[in-house]
Structures are given as structure tokens and as C-alpha cells.
Amino acid sequence: MTAGEQVEHFTTAFADLCATVPKLLHAVAVAPDGLVLGRSGGSGRTDADRLAAITSGLASLAGGAARTYRLGVPAKVIIEFAEGHLLVSAIGRGAMLGLIAAPDADVGVVAYEMAMFAGTAGPGLTPEVMARLKIVAD
């Protein structure tokens, strides 16, 4: 696939994820540098940037803990709050996915859908594709 086709594939897969995950409130795809690659329809630019920063920070903390305690590569970070869930997952080449789900969301289903998205969209995330996605997400 060309870079343009990969961008289209990623944006379609991300839109499908946002539309099909039950109880999903907000979602961002985040580049290794912390910039937004995609955001859910319910997230304005400011909210998307904030969630991207939180996603990057949590991924960094998880990576630090993994290195310090020799735990291997972090697969997911899941935080349960009184009013919802925050899930962070790697999607490939340093990119991450951050999702906010409702308190009654089935976290197992949400995590499964995140993994399916990573398997579908992650392999095509080259530096060129991520650069194009940053422009599209703006």
C-alpha cells in the first residue's frame, strides 16, 4: 500500500473503532512524539490534546516500570475510576491508543477491540504515514 492508502486505512479503522466500541466516550491515537494522529468525534481538539498528553505520560510511566522491574514490554495500562475507565495500549512503532470508557463499559471488550485495531492499523504506521496523519488530525 502507498502512504496515502495507509492513511486512509488507518483513519477508516480508527473511525470504525470509535463507532463500534460500546460505551466509548473519547479516543485518541497518539504518535511517539505525543501528537494526535486521530481523535474520536466526541473529542474536541483541546480534549484530544489533553488525552494525548495523558496517554503519552502513562505509556512512559509503564515503560519505566517495565524497565526498572524487568517486566517486559507493557501491553496495556488500565485505570478504573469511579466514573469511568482509562485504557492505554501500544498500536505499533511507538504509537499509542488512549480511550476513555463509561463506568459500565465491559473493559475486556474494550481492550479486545484495542488489540484488534492495533493488529489491523499498527503495521502500516511508518514515519511518513504518521506525519500525514498529524496533518489530517489537525
C-alpha atoms as a PDB file:
ATOM      1  CA  MET A   1       0.000   0.000   0.000  1.00  0.00           C
ATOM      2  CA  THR A   2       1.108   3.543  -0.633  1.00  0.00           C
ATOM      3  CA  ALA A   3       1.406   6.016   2.239  1.00  0.00           C
ATOM      4  CA  GLY A   4      -1.823   7.671   1.117  1.00  0.00           C
ATOM      5  CA  GLU A   5      -3.633   4.337   1.151  1.00  0.00           C
ATOM      6  CA  GLN A   6      -2.206   3.577   4.607  1.00  0.00           C
ATOM      7  CA  VAL A   7      -3.501   6.924   5.897  1.00  0.00           C
ATOM      8  CA  GLU A   8      -6.960   6.103   4.521  1.00  0.00           C
ATOM      9  CA  HIS A   9      -6.797   2.601   6.009  1.00  0.00           C
ATOM     10  CA  PHE A  10      -5.788   3.955   9.435  1.00  0.00           C
ATOM     11  CA  THR A  11      -8.435   6.680   9.518  1.00  0.00           C
ATOM     12  CA  THR A  12     -11.150   4.235   8.450  1.00  0.00           C
ATOM     13  CA  ALA A  13     -10.074   1.647  11.036  1.00  0.00           C
ATOM     14  CA  PHE A  14      -9.939   4.347  13.740  1.00  0.00           C
ATOM     15  CA  ALA A  15     -13.399   5.660  12.818  1.00  0.00           C
ATOM     16  CA  ASP A  16     -14.732   2.085  12.919  1.00  0.00           C
ATOM     17  CA  LEU A  17     -13.161   1.550  16.355  1.00  0.00           C
ATOM     18  CA  CYS A  18     -14.749   4.742  17.681  1.00  0.00           C
ATOM     19  CA  ALA A  19     -18.140   3.835  16.208  1.00  0.00           C
ATOM     20  CA  THR A  20     -18.266   0.215  17.356  1.00  0.00           C
ATOM     21  CA  VAL A  21     -16.709   0.065  20.834  1.00  0.00           C
ATOM     22  CA  PRO A  22     -19.592   0.046  23.300  1.00  0.00           C
ATOM     23  CA  LYS A  23     -19.575   2.790  25.937  1.00  0.00           C
ATOM     24  CA  LEU A  24     -16.585   4.599  24.387  1.00  0.00           C
ATOM     25  CA  LEU A  25     -16.571   8.270  25.404  1.00  0.00           C
ATOM     26  CA  HIS A  26     -13.291   9.589  23.957  1.00  0.00           C
ATOM     27  CA  ALA A  27     -10.430   8.134  21.949  1.00  0.00           C
ATOM     28  CA  VAL A  28      -7.114   9.357  20.576  1.00  0.00           C
ATOM     29  CA  ALA A  29      -4.386   7.785  18.534  1.00  0.00           C
ATOM     30  CA  VAL A  30      -1.050   9.286  19.534  1.00  0.00           C
ATOM     31  CA  ALA A  31       2.304   9.425  17.742  1.00  0.00           C
ATOM     32  CA  PRO A  32       5.545   8.632  19.589  1.00  0.00           C
ATOM     33  CA  ASP A  33       6.157  12.390  19.931  1.00  0.00           C
ATOM     34  CA  GLY A  34       2.805  12.847  21.702  1.00  0.00           C
ATOM     35  CA  LEU A  35       0.946  14.499  18.829  1.00  0.00           C
ATOM     36  CA  VAL A  36      -2.555  13.413  17.846  1.00  0.00           C
ATOM     37  CA  LEU A  37      -2.908  11.056  14.879  1.00  0.00           C
ATOM     38  CA  GLY A  38      -6.664  10.680  15.213  1.00  0.00           C
ATOM     39  CA  ARG A  39      -9.459  11.588  17.598  1.00  0.00           C
ATOM     40  CA  SER A  40     -12.999  10.420  18.172  1.00  0.00           C
ATOM     41  CA  GLY A  41     -15.906  12.541  17.043  1.00  0.00           C
ATOM     42  CA  GLY A  42     -16.821  13.397  20.619  1.00  0.00           C
ATOM     43  CA  SER A  43     -13.391  14.870  21.346  1.00  0.00           C
ATOM     44  CA  GLY A  44     -12.641  18.482  20.531  1.00  0.00           C
ATOM     45  CA  ARG A  45      -9.082  19.498  19.721  1.00  0.00           C
ATOM     46  CA  THR A  46      -8.308  20.638  23.281  1.00  0.00           C
ATOM     47  CA  ASP A  47      -9.705  17.441  24.813  1.00  0.00           C
ATOM     48  CA  ALA A  48      -7.827  15.326  22.257  1.00  0.00           C
ATOM     49  CA  ASP A  49      -4.545  17.091  23.018  1.00  0.00           C
ATOM     50  CA  ARG A  50      -5.110  16.637  26.759  1.00  0.00           C
ATOM     51  CA  LEU A  51      -5.910  12.934  26.382  1.00  0.00           C
ATOM     52  CA  ALA A  52      -2.880  12.529  24.091  1.00  0.00           C
ATOM     53  CA  ALA A  53      -0.629  14.020  26.781  1.00  0.00           C
ATOM     54  CA  ILE A  54      -2.131  11.746  29.437  1.00  0.00           C
ATOM     55  CA  THR A  55      -1.768   8.736  27.131  1.00  0.00           C
ATOM     56  CA  SER A  56       1.885   9.546  26.422  1.00  0.00           C
ATOM     57  CA  GLY A  57       2.635  10.093  30.091  1.00  0.00           C
ATOM     58  CA  LEU A  58       1.041   6.842  31.207  1.00  0.00           C
ATOM     59  CA  ALA A  59       2.796   4.901  28.439  1.00  0.00           C
ATOM     60  CA  SER A  60       6.101   6.422  29.528  1.00  0.00           C
ATOM     61  CA  LEU A  61       5.486   5.558  33.192  1.00  0.00           C
ATOM     62  CA  ALA A  62       4.519   1.996  32.269  1.00  0.00           C
ATOM     63  CA  GLY A  63       7.663   1.678  30.157  1.00  0.00           C
ATOM     64  CA  GLY A  64       9.798   2.966  33.032  1.00  0.00           C
ATOM     65  CA  ALA A  65       8.254   0.487  35.453  1.00  0.00           C
ATOM     66  CA  ALA A  66       8.752  -2.313  32.932  1.00  0.00           C
ATOM     67  CA  ARG A  67      12.436  -1.480  32.516  1.00  0.00           C
ATOM     68  CA  THR A  68      13.058  -0.975  36.230  1.00  0.00           C
ATOM     69  CA  TYR A  69      11.463  -4.234  37.274  1.00  0.00           C
ATOM     70  CA  ARG A  70      12.277  -6.216  34.104  1.00  0.00           C
ATOM     71  CA  LEU A  71       8.609  -6.822  33.332  1.00  0.00           C
ATOM     72  CA  GLY A  72       8.887  -6.863  29.549  1.00  0.00           C
ATOM     73  CA  VAL A  73       7.114  -4.609  27.104  1.00  0.00           C
ATOM     74  CA  PRO A  74       3.908  -3.073  28.526  1.00  0.00           C
ATOM     75  CA  ALA A  75       0.818  -4.306  26.696  1.00  0.00           C
ATOM     76  CA  LYS A  76      -1.863  -2.122  28.271  1.00  0.00           C
ATOM     77  CA  VAL A  77      -2.467   0.310  31.093  1.00  0.00           C
ATOM     78  CA  ILE A  78      -5.963   0.182  32.550  1.00  0.00           C
ATOM     79  CA  ILE A  79      -7.128   2.551  35.265  1.00  0.00           C
ATOM     80  CA  GLU A  80     -10.557   2.219  36.809  1.00  0.00           C
ATOM     81  CA  PHE A  81     -12.127   5.401  38.173  1.00  0.00           C
ATOM     82  CA  ALA A  82     -15.436   5.893  39.965  1.00  0.00           C
ATOM     83  CA  GLU A  83     -16.869   7.460  36.807  1.00  0.00           C
ATOM     84  CA  GLY A  84     -15.131   5.558  34.026  1.00  0.00           C
ATOM     85  CA  HIS A  85     -12.060   3.775  32.709  1.00  0.00           C
ATOM     86  CA  LEU A  86      -8.882   4.958  31.028  1.00  0.00           C
ATOM     87  CA  LEU A  87      -7.129   2.466  28.769  1.00  0.00           C
ATOM     88  CA  VAL A  88      -3.785   2.943  27.038  1.00  0.00           C
ATOM     89  CA  SER A  89      -2.299   0.496  24.559  1.00  0.00           C
ATOM     90  CA  ALA A  90       0.581   0.412  22.109  1.00  0.00           C
ATOM     91  CA  ILE A  91      -0.515   0.227  18.480  1.00  0.00           C
ATOM     92  CA  GLY A  92       2.825  -0.015  16.722  1.00  0.00           C
ATOM     93  CA  ARG A  93       6.099   1.798  16.072  1.00  0.00           C
ATOM     94  CA  GLY A  94       5.842   3.791  19.279  1.00  0.00           C
ATOM     95  CA  ALA A  95       2.289   4.999  18.603  1.00  0.00           C
ATOM     96  CA  MET A  96      -0.371   4.594  21.284  1.00  0.00           C
ATOM     97  CA  LEU A  97      -4.102   4.491  21.686  1.00  0.00           C
ATOM     98  CA  GLY A  98      -5.854   6.179  24.606  1.00  0.00           C
ATOM     99  CA  LEU A  99      -9.528   5.560  25.352  1.00  0.00           C
ATOM    100  CA  ILE A 100     -11.980   6.782  27.955  1.00  0.00           C
ATOM    101  CA  ALA A 101     -14.895   4.414  28.539  1.00  0.00           C
ATOM    102  CA  ALA A 102     -18.033   4.732  30.630  1.00  0.00           C
ATOM    103  CA  PRO A 103     -18.090   3.214  34.122  1.00  0.00           C
ATOM    104  CA  ASP A 104     -20.366   0.379  32.978  1.00  0.00           C
ATOM    105  CA  ALA A 105     -18.230  -0.489  29.929  1.00  0.00           C
ATOM    106  CA  ASP A 106     -17.002  -4.058  29.592  1.00  0.00           C
ATOM    107  CA  VAL A 107     -13.261  -3.394  29.902  1.00  0.00           C
ATOM    108  CA  GLY A 108     -12.453  -6.796  28.411  1.00  0.00           C
ATOM    109  CA  VAL A 109     -14.374  -5.963  25.249  1.00  0.00           C
ATOM    110  CA  VAL A 110     -12.776  -2.510  25.027  1.00  0.00           C
ATOM    111  CA  ALA A 111      -9.278  -3.985  25.473  1.00  0.00           C
ATOM    112  CA  TYR A 112     -10.014  -6.663  22.866  1.00  0.00           C
ATOM    113  CA  GLU A 113     -11.146  -4.049  20.331  1.00  0.00           C
ATOM    114  CA  MET A 114      -7.994  -2.023  21.041  1.00  0.00           C
ATOM    115  CA  ALA A 115      -5.867  -5.092  20.314  1.00  0.00           C
ATOM    116  CA  MET A 116      -7.767  -5.785  17.086  1.00  0.00           C
ATOM    117  CA  PHE A 117      -7.250  -2.173  15.998  1.00  0.00           C
ATOM    118  CA  ALA A 118      -3.528  -2.391  16.751  1.00  0.00           C
ATOM    119  CA  GLY A 119      -3.247  -5.558  14.697  1.00  0.00           C
ATOM    120  CA  THR A 120      -5.110  -4.016  11.773  1.00  0.00           C
ATOM    121  CA  ALA A 121      -3.795  -0.456  11.712  1.00  0.00           C
ATOM    122  CA  GLY A 122      -0.464  -0.637  13.540  1.00  0.00           C
ATOM    123  CA  PRO A 123       1.700  -2.378  10.929  1.00  0.00           C
ATOM    124  CA  GLY A 124       1.215   0.450   8.426  1.00  0.00           C
ATOM    125  CA  LEU A 125       2.302   3.233  10.781  1.00  0.00           C
ATOM    126  CA  THR A 126       5.509   4.288   9.093  1.00  0.00           C
ATOM    127  CA  PRO A 127       7.062   7.675   9.923  1.00  0.00           C
ATOM    128  CA  GLU A 128       5.672   9.038   6.642  1.00  0.00           C
ATOM    129  CA  VAL A 129       2.158   7.808   7.418  1.00  0.00           C
ATOM    130  CA  MET A 130       2.307   9.265  10.948  1.00  0.00           C
ATOM    131  CA  ALA A 131       3.454  12.616   9.542  1.00  0.00           C
ATOM    132  CA  ARG A 132       0.486  12.663   7.176  1.00  0.00           C
ATOM    133  CA  LEU A 133      -1.934  11.620   9.920  1.00  0.00           C
ATOM    134  CA  LYS A 134      -0.774  14.515  12.122  1.00  0.00           C
ATOM    135  CA  ILE A 135      -1.778  16.916   9.347  1.00  0.00           C
ATOM    136  CA  VAL A 136      -5.138  15.191   8.827  1.00  0.00           C
ATOM    137  CA  ALA A 137      -5.873  15.236  12.586  1.00  0.00           C
ATOM    138  CA  ASP A 138      -5.186  18.964  12.833  1.00  0.00           C
END
